[in-house]
Amino acid sequence: MFRDGLGFPTVKVEMEFLSPVHYGDHVDIDVTIERVGRSSVQIRYEATVAGKPVFKARTIAVVVDMRTFRPTPLPQALRESFLSARDPKQAESEADAPPS
């Protein structure tokens, strides 16, 4: 992407801390693609320590043309990769939704 003059900055972050994480804790993070847009992707993160939730977060990143810093469509290979990694429940609900 970078050689093609594209960037992928994060434009939004939401995070909620649920429980303390202590030095030396092993943090497991589940990463799920929630939504794939024309030029953006929304990703959910859920973290646990020994099975106990410690934080949840969501980010949105947008593909931009680095010359203009304007949004540009996701390259097809990246779009396919994100779509194949989506949460199956989310993909089903999108398929069942009426067209907008």
N, C-alpha and C. Protein backbone atom coordinates (compact mmCIF):
# COMPACT_ATOMS: atom_id res chain seq x y z
N MET A 1 0.82 -1.19 0.00
CA MET A 1 0.00 0.00 0.00
C MET A 1 0.86 1.25 0.00
N PHE A 2 1.89 1.25 0.84
CA PHE A 2 2.70 2.47 0.97
C PHE A 2 3.46 2.78 -0.31
N ARG A 3 3.94 1.74 -1.01
CA ARG A 3 4.62 1.95 -2.29
C ARG A 3 3.67 2.53 -3.33
N ASP A 4 2.37 2.23 -3.18
CA ASP A 4 1.36 2.75 -4.11
C ASP A 4 0.87 4.13 -3.70
N GLY A 5 1.47 4.72 -2.66
CA GLY A 5 1.09 6.06 -2.23
C GLY A 5 -0.14 6.10 -1.36
N LEU A 6 -0.47 4.97 -0.72
CA LEU A 6 -1.64 4.90 0.14
C LEU A 6 -1.22 4.81 1.60
N GLY A 7 -2.01 5.42 2.48
CA GLY A 7 -1.82 5.30 3.91
C GLY A 7 -3.06 4.70 4.53
N PHE A 8 -2.98 4.34 5.81
CA PHE A 8 -4.11 3.68 6.48
C PHE A 8 -4.22 4.21 7.91
N PRO A 9 -4.46 5.51 8.08
CA PRO A 9 -4.50 6.07 9.43
C PRO A 9 -5.76 5.68 10.20
N THR A 10 -5.60 5.58 11.50
CA THR A 10 -6.74 5.38 12.39
C THR A 10 -7.40 6.74 12.58
N VAL A 11 -8.72 6.80 12.37
CA VAL A 11 -9.43 8.06 12.48
C VAL A 11 -10.36 8.11 13.69
N LYS A 12 -10.59 6.95 14.32
CA LYS A 12 -11.44 6.92 15.51
C LYS A 12 -11.02 5.76 16.40
N VAL A 13 -10.98 6.04 17.71
CA VAL A 13 -10.67 5.01 18.71
C VAL A 13 -11.68 5.15 19.84
N GLU A 14 -12.28 4.04 20.22
CA GLU A 14 -13.13 3.98 21.41
C GLU A 14 -12.55 2.88 22.29
N MET A 15 -12.40 3.15 23.58
CA MET A 15 -11.82 2.14 24.46
C MET A 15 -12.44 2.23 25.84
N GLU A 16 -12.73 1.08 26.41
CA GLU A 16 -13.27 1.02 27.76
C GLU A 16 -12.44 0.02 28.56
N PHE A 17 -11.88 0.49 29.66
CA PHE A 17 -11.12 -0.38 30.55
C PHE A 17 -12.08 -0.98 31.57
N LEU A 18 -12.05 -2.29 31.69
CA LEU A 18 -13.01 -3.00 32.54
C LEU A 18 -12.41 -3.50 33.84
N SER A 19 -11.11 -3.76 33.83
CA SER A 19 -10.43 -4.31 34.99
C SER A 19 -8.94 -4.02 34.85
N PRO A 20 -8.22 -3.87 35.96
CA PRO A 20 -6.78 -3.57 35.86
C PRO A 20 -5.98 -4.71 35.21
N VAL A 21 -4.94 -4.32 34.51
CA VAL A 21 -3.93 -5.25 34.00
C VAL A 21 -2.65 -4.95 34.76
N HIS A 22 -2.05 -5.98 35.31
CA HIS A 22 -0.85 -5.81 36.13
C HIS A 22 0.39 -6.23 35.36
N TYR A 23 1.51 -5.63 35.73
CA TYR A 23 2.78 -5.99 35.10
C TYR A 23 2.96 -7.50 35.18
N GLY A 24 3.29 -8.12 34.07
CA GLY A 24 3.50 -9.56 34.02
C GLY A 24 2.28 -10.35 33.61
N ASP A 25 1.08 -9.71 33.60
CA ASP A 25 -0.13 -10.41 33.15
C ASP A 25 -0.01 -10.78 31.68
N HIS A 26 -0.54 -11.93 31.34
CA HIS A 26 -0.63 -12.35 29.93
C HIS A 26 -1.99 -11.89 29.42
N VAL A 27 -2.00 -10.98 28.47
CA VAL A 27 -3.24 -10.41 27.93
C VAL A 27 -3.55 -11.09 26.59
N ASP A 28 -4.72 -11.72 26.51
CA ASP A 28 -5.20 -12.29 25.25
C ASP A 28 -6.13 -11.28 24.61
N ILE A 29 -5.93 -11.00 23.32
CA ILE A 29 -6.75 -10.02 22.62
C ILE A 29 -7.40 -10.69 21.41
N ASP A 30 -8.73 -10.68 21.41
CA ASP A 30 -9.51 -11.18 20.29
C ASP A 30 -9.77 -10.01 19.35
N VAL A 31 -9.41 -10.14 18.08
CA VAL A 31 -9.56 -9.07 17.10
C VAL A 31 -10.58 -9.52 16.07
N THR A 32 -11.60 -8.67 15.84
CA THR A 32 -12.68 -9.01 14.91
C THR A 32 -12.93 -7.85 13.95
N ILE A 33 -13.02 -8.16 12.68
CA ILE A 33 -13.41 -7.16 11.68
C ILE A 33 -14.92 -7.04 11.78
N GLU A 34 -15.39 -5.85 12.13
CA GLU A 34 -16.84 -5.65 12.27
C GLU A 34 -17.50 -5.13 11.00
N ARG A 35 -16.82 -4.23 10.30
CA ARG A 35 -17.44 -3.61 9.13
C ARG A 35 -16.37 -3.23 8.13
N VAL A 36 -16.67 -3.47 6.86
CA VAL A 36 -15.78 -3.07 5.78
C VAL A 36 -16.56 -2.11 4.90
N GLY A 37 -16.09 -0.88 4.83
CA GLY A 37 -16.75 0.13 4.01
C GLY A 37 -16.03 0.32 2.69
N ARG A 38 -16.40 1.36 1.98
CA ARG A 38 -15.77 1.64 0.68
C ARG A 38 -14.29 1.96 0.84
N SER A 39 -13.97 2.76 1.87
CA SER A 39 -12.57 3.16 2.08
C SER A 39 -12.13 2.96 3.53
N SER A 40 -12.96 2.28 4.33
CA SER A 40 -12.65 2.15 5.75
C SER A 40 -12.90 0.74 6.26
N VAL A 41 -12.34 0.50 7.45
CA VAL A 41 -12.58 -0.78 8.13
C VAL A 41 -12.75 -0.47 9.62
N GLN A 42 -13.71 -1.15 10.23
CA GLN A 42 -13.95 -1.02 11.68
C GLN A 42 -13.55 -2.33 12.33
N ILE A 43 -12.72 -2.23 13.37
CA ILE A 43 -12.17 -3.41 14.04
C ILE A 43 -12.50 -3.36 15.52
N ARG A 44 -12.93 -4.50 16.08
CA ARG A 44 -13.25 -4.61 17.51
C ARG A 44 -12.15 -5.43 18.18
N TYR A 45 -11.78 -5.03 19.40
CA TYR A 45 -10.77 -5.71 20.20
C TYR A 45 -11.40 -6.04 21.56
N GLU A 46 -11.25 -7.28 22.00
CA GLU A 46 -11.72 -7.67 23.33
C GLU A 46 -10.58 -8.39 24.02
N ALA A 47 -10.16 -7.86 25.18
CA ALA A 47 -8.98 -8.39 25.87
C ALA A 47 -9.38 -9.04 27.19
N THR A 48 -8.68 -10.13 27.51
CA THR A 48 -8.91 -10.84 28.77
C THR A 48 -7.57 -11.20 29.40
N VAL A 49 -7.60 -11.36 30.72
CA VAL A 49 -6.48 -11.91 31.48
C VAL A 49 -7.07 -13.08 32.25
N ALA A 50 -6.56 -14.28 31.99
CA ALA A 50 -7.06 -15.50 32.63
C ALA A 50 -8.58 -15.62 32.49
N GLY A 51 -9.10 -15.24 31.31
CA GLY A 51 -10.53 -15.35 31.04
C GLY A 51 -11.37 -14.19 31.54
N LYS A 52 -10.78 -13.26 32.28
CA LYS A 52 -11.52 -12.11 32.83
C LYS A 52 -11.37 -10.92 31.88
N PRO A 53 -12.50 -10.33 31.43
CA PRO A 53 -12.40 -9.17 30.53
C PRO A 53 -11.67 -8.01 31.20
N VAL A 54 -10.73 -7.42 30.45
CA VAL A 54 -9.97 -6.28 30.98
C VAL A 54 -10.15 -5.01 30.16
N PHE A 55 -10.40 -5.13 28.88
CA PHE A 55 -10.75 -3.95 28.08
C PHE A 55 -11.44 -4.39 26.81
N LYS A 56 -12.19 -3.42 26.24
CA LYS A 56 -12.74 -3.60 24.91
C LYS A 56 -12.52 -2.30 24.16
N ALA A 57 -12.31 -2.42 22.86
CA ALA A 57 -11.99 -1.24 22.06
C ALA A 57 -12.53 -1.43 20.65
N ARG A 58 -12.60 -0.31 19.96
CA ARG A 58 -13.03 -0.33 18.56
C ARG A 58 -12.24 0.77 17.85
N THR A 59 -11.75 0.46 16.66
CA THR A 59 -11.05 1.46 15.85
C THR A 59 -11.65 1.51 14.47
N ILE A 60 -11.52 2.67 13.84
CA ILE A 60 -11.86 2.82 12.44
C ILE A 60 -10.64 3.39 11.75
N ALA A 61 -10.22 2.75 10.67
CA ALA A 61 -9.09 3.22 9.87
C ALA A 61 -9.59 3.45 8.44
N VAL A 62 -9.00 4.43 7.78
CA VAL A 62 -9.42 4.81 6.43
C VAL A 62 -8.21 4.79 5.50
N VAL A 63 -8.40 4.24 4.31
CA VAL A 63 -7.35 4.29 3.29
C VAL A 63 -7.36 5.69 2.69
N VAL A 64 -6.19 6.32 2.64
CA VAL A 64 -6.07 7.66 2.07
C VAL A 64 -4.96 7.71 1.02
N ASP A 65 -5.15 8.59 0.07
CA ASP A 65 -4.12 8.90 -0.91
C ASP A 65 -3.13 9.83 -0.19
N MET A 66 -1.88 9.42 -0.06
CA MET A 66 -0.91 10.18 0.72
C MET A 66 -0.55 11.53 0.08
N ARG A 67 -0.81 11.70 -1.20
CA ARG A 67 -0.54 13.00 -1.83
C ARG A 67 -1.60 14.03 -1.43
N THR A 68 -2.85 13.59 -1.34
CA THR A 68 -3.95 14.52 -1.04
C THR A 68 -4.52 14.33 0.36
N PHE A 69 -4.20 13.21 0.98
CA PHE A 69 -4.74 12.80 2.28
C PHE A 69 -6.27 12.73 2.26
N ARG A 70 -6.83 12.40 1.11
CA ARG A 70 -8.27 12.21 0.95
C ARG A 70 -8.56 10.71 0.91
N PRO A 71 -9.73 10.30 1.41
CA PRO A 71 -10.09 8.88 1.36
C PRO A 71 -10.10 8.35 -0.07
N THR A 72 -9.73 7.10 -0.20
CA THR A 72 -9.73 6.43 -1.49
C THR A 72 -10.22 5.00 -1.27
N PRO A 73 -10.82 4.36 -2.27
CA PRO A 73 -11.35 3.01 -2.07
C PRO A 73 -10.28 2.02 -1.62
N LEU A 74 -10.72 1.07 -0.78
CA LEU A 74 -9.82 0.00 -0.35
C LEU A 74 -9.33 -0.77 -1.57
N PRO A 75 -8.03 -1.05 -1.67
CA PRO A 75 -7.56 -1.91 -2.75
C PRO A 75 -8.27 -3.27 -2.67
N GLN A 76 -8.58 -3.87 -3.81
CA GLN A 76 -9.38 -5.09 -3.85
C GLN A 76 -8.80 -6.21 -2.99
N ALA A 77 -7.50 -6.42 -3.03
CA ALA A 77 -6.88 -7.50 -2.24
C ALA A 77 -7.08 -7.27 -0.75
N LEU A 78 -6.95 -6.03 -0.32
CA LEU A 78 -7.15 -5.71 1.09
C LEU A 78 -8.62 -5.86 1.47
N ARG A 79 -9.52 -5.40 0.61
CA ARG A 79 -10.96 -5.56 0.85
C ARG A 79 -11.31 -7.04 1.02
N GLU A 80 -10.82 -7.88 0.12
CA GLU A 80 -11.11 -9.32 0.20
C GLU A 80 -10.56 -9.92 1.48
N SER A 81 -9.38 -9.49 1.88
CA SER A 81 -8.78 -10.00 3.11
C SER A 81 -9.63 -9.62 4.32
N PHE A 82 -10.05 -8.36 4.40
CA PHE A 82 -10.90 -7.92 5.50
C PHE A 82 -12.24 -8.64 5.49
N LEU A 83 -12.86 -8.76 4.32
CA LEU A 83 -14.16 -9.42 4.23
C LEU A 83 -14.07 -10.88 4.67
N SER A 84 -13.00 -11.55 4.32
CA SER A 84 -12.87 -12.97 4.70
C SER A 84 -12.61 -13.13 6.20
N ALA A 85 -12.17 -12.06 6.86
CA ALA A 85 -11.87 -12.14 8.30
C ALA A 85 -13.01 -11.59 9.16
N ARG A 86 -14.11 -11.17 8.53
CA ARG A 86 -15.23 -10.60 9.30
C ARG A 86 -15.84 -11.59 10.26
N ASP A 87 -16.46 -11.04 11.29
CA ASP A 87 -17.25 -11.81 12.24
C ASP A 87 -18.39 -12.48 11.46
N PRO A 88 -18.48 -13.82 11.48
CA PRO A 88 -19.53 -14.49 10.70
C PRO A 88 -20.94 -14.00 11.05
N LYS A 89 -21.21 -13.71 12.32
CA LYS A 89 -22.54 -13.21 12.72
C LYS A 89 -22.82 -11.85 12.08
N GLN A 90 -21.81 -11.00 12.04
CA GLN A 90 -21.97 -9.68 11.44
C GLN A 90 -22.20 -9.81 9.93
N ALA A 91 -21.46 -10.70 9.28
CA ALA A 91 -21.61 -10.90 7.83
C ALA A 91 -23.02 -11.40 7.52
N GLU A 92 -23.56 -12.31 8.35
CA GLU A 92 -24.92 -12.81 8.15
C GLU A 92 -25.95 -11.70 8.29
N SER A 93 -25.80 -10.86 9.32
CA SER A 93 -26.78 -9.79 9.53
C SER A 93 -26.73 -8.78 8.40
N GLU A 94 -25.56 -8.52 7.85
CA GLU A 94 -25.45 -7.59 6.71
C GLU A 94 -26.11 -8.19 5.47
N ALA A 95 -25.96 -9.51 5.29
CA ALA A 95 -26.56 -10.18 4.13
C ALA A 95 -28.08 -10.18 4.23
N ASP A 96 -28.62 -10.23 5.46
CA ASP A 96 -30.07 -10.26 5.67
C ASP A 96 -30.69 -8.87 5.65
N ALA A 97 -29.87 -7.83 5.79
CA ALA A 97 -30.40 -6.47 5.85
C ALA A 97 -30.93 -6.04 4.49
N PRO A 98 -32.02 -5.26 4.48
CA PRO A 98 -32.53 -4.77 3.19
C PRO A 98 -31.53 -3.79 2.59
N PRO A 99 -31.46 -3.71 1.27
CA PRO A 99 -30.52 -2.78 0.64
C PRO A 99 -30.85 -1.35 1.02
N SER A 100 -29.78 -0.52 1.15
CA SER A 100 -30.02 0.88 1.53
C SER A 100 -29.89 1.80 0.34
